[in-house]
Amino acid sequence: MPEKKDEKKDEKRGEKKDGKEGKLAGQIQLLQQLLGEPPTSDTELLRQDIGTLTTQLAGLQKRLRDRDV
């Protein structure tokens, strides 16, 4: 029985991770559109880890802020 509990915990952790990655991917695509760039596909973005997505998002945010200065 404990094995099934552990499996459910792992599934929940995976869903949380996927949800965060999906949110970051959506933000990246929006910023790309605002900057006049073609958005990266969902598939390509979701292959990346959270650290890479976060770094990419920060770079796009900086570019958008700097463009408006």
Protein backbone atom coordinates (compact mmCIF):
# COMPACT_ATOMS: atom_id res chain seq x y z
CA MET A 1 0.00 0.00 0.00
CA PRO A 2 2.73 2.60 0.79
CA GLU A 3 4.06 2.26 -2.76
CA LYS A 4 0.81 3.61 -4.20
CA LYS A 5 0.97 6.60 -1.85
CA ASP A 6 4.50 7.37 -3.03
CA GLU A 7 3.41 7.08 -6.66
CA LYS A 8 0.61 9.59 -6.06
CA LYS A 9 3.04 12.01 -4.42
CA ASP A 10 5.40 11.71 -7.40
CA GLU A 11 2.52 12.36 -9.81
CA LYS A 12 1.50 15.48 -7.89
CA ARG A 13 5.09 16.76 -7.93
CA GLY A 14 5.24 16.14 -11.68
CA GLU A 15 1.99 18.01 -12.24
CA LYS A 16 3.23 20.99 -10.23
CA LYS A 17 6.45 21.04 -12.24
CA ASP A 18 4.58 20.77 -15.55
CA GLY A 19 2.22 23.53 -14.48
CA LYS A 20 5.08 25.87 -13.64
CA GLU A 21 6.88 25.08 -16.90
CA GLY A 22 3.67 25.69 -18.85
CA LYS A 23 3.15 29.04 -17.15
CA LEU A 24 6.73 30.10 -17.90
CA ALA A 25 6.36 28.97 -21.52
CA GLY A 26 3.22 31.07 -21.91
CA GLN A 27 4.92 34.13 -20.46
CA ILE A 28 7.90 33.65 -22.78
CA GLN A 29 5.63 33.39 -25.81
CA LEU A 30 3.73 36.53 -24.82
CA LEU A 31 6.91 38.55 -24.39
CA GLN A 32 8.23 37.28 -27.71
CA GLN A 33 5.04 38.48 -29.39
CA LEU A 34 5.25 41.87 -27.67
CA LEU A 35 8.83 42.19 -28.94
CA GLY A 36 7.69 41.36 -32.48
CA GLU A 37 9.37 37.96 -32.52
CA PRO A 38 7.82 34.70 -33.65
CA PRO A 39 6.87 32.74 -30.51
CA THR A 40 8.76 29.55 -29.74
CA SER A 41 6.56 26.45 -29.96
CA ASP A 42 5.10 24.88 -26.82
CA THR A 43 6.90 21.64 -27.61
CA GLU A 44 10.29 23.30 -27.84
CA LEU A 45 9.80 25.32 -24.65
CA LEU A 46 8.49 22.40 -22.61
CA ARG A 47 11.61 20.37 -23.45
CA GLN A 48 13.64 22.88 -21.45
CA ASP A 49 14.13 22.75 -17.70
CA ILE A 50 12.72 25.35 -15.35
CA GLY A 51 16.09 27.06 -14.89
CA THR A 52 16.51 27.60 -18.62
CA LEU A 53 12.95 28.86 -18.99
CA THR A 54 13.41 31.26 -16.08
CA THR A 55 16.64 32.63 -17.56
CA GLN A 56 15.01 33.06 -20.96
CA LEU A 57 12.02 34.84 -19.40
CA ALA A 58 14.29 37.22 -17.47
CA GLY A 59 16.18 38.09 -20.66
CA LEU A 60 12.99 38.85 -22.54
CA GLN A 61 11.65 40.96 -19.65
CA LYS A 62 14.89 42.98 -19.62
CA ARG A 63 14.72 43.52 -23.38
CA LEU A 64 11.14 44.73 -23.15
CA ARG A 65 11.96 47.13 -20.27
CA ASP A 66 15.06 48.45 -22.06
CA ARG A 67 13.08 48.97 -25.26
CA ASP A 68 10.60 51.22 -23.49
CA VAL A 69 13.23 53.44 -21.84
